[in-house]
């Protein structure tokens, strides 16, 4: 596990959302709030069809997920429960 970021200014923040109904709206609000607080941050979203557990780690999408993960400095996950 990577160390926690102390400042998100200028960082690329990954927003990870699962397939539950409220996950995408949660990510949208989190992104908006973080942009207000850290206007120089960039955002990248990844939506998984996996409802629980690590996203598609054991499937054909593993490489796609790992590539996305390499391109962000930190991740905020939204579980739409």
N, C-alpha and C. Protein backbone atom coordinates (compact mmCIF):
# COMPACT_ATOMS: atom_id res chain seq x y z
N UNK A 1 0.84 -1.17 0.00
CA UNK A 1 0.00 0.00 0.00
C UNK A 1 0.90 1.24 0.00
N UNK A 2 0.54 2.19 -0.82
CA UNK A 2 1.31 3.42 -0.93
C UNK A 2 1.03 4.32 0.28
N UNK A 3 2.01 5.16 0.63
CA UNK A 3 1.77 6.10 1.73
C UNK A 3 0.67 7.10 1.37
N UNK A 4 -0.01 7.58 2.37
CA UNK A 4 -1.09 8.55 2.17
C UNK A 4 -0.51 9.88 1.68
N UNK A 5 -1.19 10.50 0.71
CA UNK A 5 -0.79 11.81 0.21
C UNK A 5 -1.09 12.87 1.27
N UNK A 6 -0.17 13.80 1.46
CA UNK A 6 -0.40 14.87 2.43
C UNK A 6 -0.98 16.12 1.78
N UNK A 7 -0.79 16.27 0.48
CA UNK A 7 -1.32 17.43 -0.25
C UNK A 7 -1.70 16.97 -1.65
N UNK A 8 -2.90 17.27 -2.08
CA UNK A 8 -3.37 16.83 -3.39
C UNK A 8 -3.17 17.88 -4.48
N UNK A 9 -2.58 19.02 -4.14
CA UNK A 9 -2.33 20.07 -5.13
C UNK A 9 -1.41 19.53 -6.22
N UNK A 10 -1.83 19.70 -7.47
CA UNK A 10 -1.03 19.28 -8.61
C UNK A 10 -0.96 17.77 -8.82
N UNK A 11 -1.67 17.01 -8.03
CA UNK A 11 -1.66 15.54 -8.16
C UNK A 11 -2.73 15.08 -9.13
N UNK A 12 -2.54 13.87 -9.65
CA UNK A 12 -3.56 13.24 -10.47
C UNK A 12 -4.30 12.25 -9.58
N UNK A 13 -5.58 12.53 -9.36
CA UNK A 13 -6.39 11.75 -8.43
C UNK A 13 -7.26 10.79 -9.23
N UNK A 14 -7.13 9.53 -8.91
CA UNK A 14 -7.96 8.50 -9.53
C UNK A 14 -9.23 8.32 -8.74
N UNK A 15 -10.36 8.32 -9.44
CA UNK A 15 -11.65 8.09 -8.80
C UNK A 15 -12.15 6.74 -9.26
N UNK A 16 -12.19 5.80 -8.34
CA UNK A 16 -12.57 4.42 -8.61
C UNK A 16 -14.00 4.20 -8.15
N UNK A 17 -14.87 3.79 -9.06
CA UNK A 17 -16.28 3.57 -8.72
C UNK A 17 -16.68 2.15 -9.08
N UNK A 18 -17.47 1.53 -8.19
CA UNK A 18 -17.96 0.20 -8.51
C UNK A 18 -19.29 0.30 -9.25
N UNK A 19 -19.92 -0.82 -9.49
CA UNK A 19 -21.11 -0.87 -10.33
C UNK A 19 -22.40 -0.53 -9.60
N UNK A 20 -22.33 -0.25 -8.33
CA UNK A 20 -23.56 0.06 -7.60
C UNK A 20 -24.12 1.42 -8.04
N UNK A 21 -25.41 1.55 -7.93
CA UNK A 21 -26.15 2.69 -8.48
C UNK A 21 -25.62 4.05 -8.03
N UNK A 22 -25.27 4.20 -6.78
CA UNK A 22 -24.87 5.50 -6.26
C UNK A 22 -23.38 5.81 -6.43
N UNK A 23 -22.59 4.87 -6.91
CA UNK A 23 -21.14 5.06 -6.99
C UNK A 23 -20.74 6.22 -7.91
N UNK A 24 -21.31 6.28 -9.09
CA UNK A 24 -20.95 7.36 -10.02
C UNK A 24 -21.36 8.74 -9.50
N UNK A 25 -22.58 8.89 -8.99
CA UNK A 25 -22.91 10.20 -8.42
C UNK A 25 -22.01 10.58 -7.25
N UNK A 26 -21.62 9.61 -6.45
CA UNK A 26 -20.70 9.89 -5.34
C UNK A 26 -19.38 10.40 -5.90
N UNK A 27 -18.85 9.72 -6.91
CA UNK A 27 -17.58 10.14 -7.53
C UNK A 27 -17.67 11.54 -8.11
N UNK A 28 -18.79 11.86 -8.71
CA UNK A 28 -19.00 13.19 -9.29
C UNK A 28 -18.93 14.27 -8.22
N UNK A 29 -19.59 14.03 -7.10
CA UNK A 29 -19.58 15.01 -6.00
C UNK A 29 -18.19 15.10 -5.38
N UNK A 30 -17.54 13.96 -5.18
CA UNK A 30 -16.18 13.96 -4.61
C UNK A 30 -15.24 14.75 -5.52
N UNK A 31 -15.32 14.53 -6.83
CA UNK A 31 -14.46 15.27 -7.76
C UNK A 31 -14.73 16.77 -7.67
N UNK A 32 -15.98 17.16 -7.66
CA UNK A 32 -16.33 18.58 -7.58
C UNK A 32 -15.78 19.21 -6.30
N UNK A 33 -15.96 18.54 -5.18
CA UNK A 33 -15.48 19.07 -3.89
C UNK A 33 -13.96 19.14 -3.85
N UNK A 34 -13.29 18.12 -4.38
CA UNK A 34 -11.83 18.13 -4.39
C UNK A 34 -11.29 19.22 -5.32
N UNK A 35 -11.96 19.45 -6.46
CA UNK A 35 -11.55 20.53 -7.37
C UNK A 35 -11.64 21.90 -6.70
N UNK A 36 -12.67 22.07 -5.85
CA UNK A 36 -12.81 23.33 -5.12
C UNK A 36 -11.62 23.54 -4.17
N UNK A 37 -11.22 22.48 -3.51
CA UNK A 37 -10.15 22.57 -2.51
C UNK A 37 -8.75 22.52 -3.14
N UNK A 38 -8.61 21.78 -4.24
CA UNK A 38 -7.32 21.60 -4.91
C UNK A 38 -7.48 21.89 -6.40
N UNK A 39 -7.57 23.15 -6.79
CA UNK A 39 -7.86 23.49 -8.19
C UNK A 39 -6.80 23.04 -9.19
N UNK A 40 -5.59 22.76 -8.74
CA UNK A 40 -4.55 22.32 -9.68
C UNK A 40 -4.50 20.80 -9.84
N UNK A 41 -5.35 20.09 -9.12
CA UNK A 41 -5.39 18.63 -9.23
C UNK A 41 -6.06 18.23 -10.54
N UNK A 42 -5.66 17.07 -11.05
CA UNK A 42 -6.29 16.47 -12.23
C UNK A 42 -7.02 15.22 -11.77
N UNK A 43 -7.98 14.78 -12.57
CA UNK A 43 -8.78 13.63 -12.19
C UNK A 43 -8.88 12.62 -13.32
N UNK A 44 -8.92 11.37 -12.93
CA UNK A 44 -9.09 10.27 -13.88
C UNK A 44 -10.06 9.28 -13.24
N UNK A 45 -11.10 8.91 -13.99
CA UNK A 45 -12.10 8.00 -13.43
C UNK A 45 -11.94 6.60 -14.01
N UNK A 46 -12.21 5.62 -13.16
CA UNK A 46 -12.21 4.21 -13.57
C UNK A 46 -13.46 3.59 -12.99
N UNK A 47 -14.29 3.04 -13.85
CA UNK A 47 -15.52 2.39 -13.42
C UNK A 47 -15.37 0.90 -13.59
N UNK A 48 -15.68 0.17 -12.55
CA UNK A 48 -15.57 -1.27 -12.59
C UNK A 48 -16.95 -1.90 -12.53
N UNK A 49 -17.11 -3.03 -13.16
CA UNK A 49 -18.37 -3.76 -13.09
C UNK A 49 -18.41 -4.66 -11.87
N UNK A 50 -17.30 -4.76 -11.20
CA UNK A 50 -17.17 -5.60 -10.02
C UNK A 50 -17.80 -4.88 -8.83
N UNK A 51 -18.79 -5.49 -8.19
CA UNK A 51 -19.49 -4.82 -7.09
C UNK A 51 -18.70 -4.83 -5.79
N UNK A 52 -17.88 -5.83 -5.57
CA UNK A 52 -17.11 -5.91 -4.33
C UNK A 52 -15.70 -6.41 -4.63
N UNK A 53 -14.78 -6.09 -3.75
CA UNK A 53 -13.42 -6.59 -3.89
C UNK A 53 -12.60 -5.81 -4.90
N UNK A 54 -11.37 -6.22 -5.11
CA UNK A 54 -10.48 -5.52 -6.04
C UNK A 54 -11.04 -5.56 -7.46
N UNK A 55 -11.05 -4.43 -8.15
CA UNK A 55 -11.66 -4.37 -9.48
C UNK A 55 -10.95 -5.21 -10.51
N UNK A 56 -11.64 -6.18 -11.01
CA UNK A 56 -11.22 -7.00 -12.16
C UNK A 56 -9.79 -7.51 -12.07
N UNK A 57 -9.27 -7.74 -10.88
CA UNK A 57 -7.88 -8.14 -10.74
C UNK A 57 -7.63 -9.50 -11.40
N UNK A 58 -8.59 -10.38 -11.38
CA UNK A 58 -8.39 -11.71 -11.94
C UNK A 58 -9.06 -11.89 -13.30
N UNK A 59 -9.34 -10.80 -14.00
CA UNK A 59 -10.03 -10.91 -15.28
C UNK A 59 -9.18 -10.32 -16.40
N UNK A 60 -9.77 -10.30 -17.58
CA UNK A 60 -9.07 -9.76 -18.75
C UNK A 60 -8.80 -8.27 -18.65
N UNK A 61 -9.44 -7.58 -17.72
CA UNK A 61 -9.24 -6.14 -17.57
C UNK A 61 -8.11 -5.77 -16.63
N UNK A 62 -7.38 -6.76 -16.14
CA UNK A 62 -6.31 -6.51 -15.18
C UNK A 62 -5.28 -5.51 -15.74
N UNK A 63 -4.84 -5.71 -16.97
CA UNK A 63 -3.84 -4.81 -17.56
C UNK A 63 -4.37 -3.39 -17.69
N UNK A 64 -5.63 -3.25 -18.08
CA UNK A 64 -6.25 -1.93 -18.22
C UNK A 64 -6.29 -1.22 -16.86
N UNK A 65 -6.70 -1.96 -15.83
CA UNK A 65 -6.76 -1.38 -14.49
C UNK A 65 -5.37 -0.98 -14.00
N UNK A 66 -4.39 -1.85 -14.19
CA UNK A 66 -3.03 -1.55 -13.73
C UNK A 66 -2.45 -0.35 -14.46
N UNK A 67 -2.74 -0.21 -15.75
CA UNK A 67 -2.28 0.96 -16.52
C UNK A 67 -2.90 2.23 -15.95
N UNK A 68 -4.20 2.19 -15.67
CA UNK A 68 -4.88 3.35 -15.08
C UNK A 68 -4.25 3.68 -13.73
N UNK A 69 -4.02 2.66 -12.93
CA UNK A 69 -3.47 2.86 -11.59
C UNK A 69 -2.07 3.49 -11.63
N UNK A 70 -1.27 3.10 -12.59
CA UNK A 70 0.08 3.66 -12.74
C UNK A 70 0.04 5.14 -13.10
N UNK A 71 -1.07 5.59 -13.68
CA UNK A 71 -1.17 6.97 -14.13
C UNK A 71 -1.72 7.95 -13.11
N UNK A 72 -1.98 7.48 -11.89
CA UNK A 72 -2.52 8.37 -10.86
C UNK A 72 -1.60 8.38 -9.64
N UNK A 73 -1.67 9.47 -8.89
CA UNK A 73 -0.86 9.60 -7.67
C UNK A 73 -1.55 9.01 -6.45
N UNK A 74 -2.86 9.04 -6.46
CA UNK A 74 -3.64 8.52 -5.33
C UNK A 74 -5.03 8.14 -5.84
N UNK A 75 -5.74 7.32 -5.08
CA UNK A 75 -7.06 6.85 -5.49
C UNK A 75 -8.07 7.09 -4.37
N UNK A 76 -9.26 7.55 -4.80
CA UNK A 76 -10.41 7.65 -3.91
C UNK A 76 -11.45 6.68 -4.46
N UNK A 77 -11.90 5.76 -3.64
CA UNK A 77 -12.87 4.76 -4.09
C UNK A 77 -14.27 5.12 -3.62
N UNK A 78 -15.24 4.90 -4.51
CA UNK A 78 -16.65 5.11 -4.17
C UNK A 78 -17.37 3.78 -4.31
N UNK A 79 -18.00 3.38 -3.22
CA UNK A 79 -18.84 2.18 -3.22
C UNK A 79 -20.27 2.67 -3.02
N UNK A 80 -21.12 2.42 -3.97
CA UNK A 80 -22.44 3.02 -3.97
C UNK A 80 -23.48 2.35 -3.10
N UNK A 81 -23.12 1.95 -1.90
CA UNK A 81 -24.10 1.34 -0.98
C UNK A 81 -24.79 2.39 -0.15
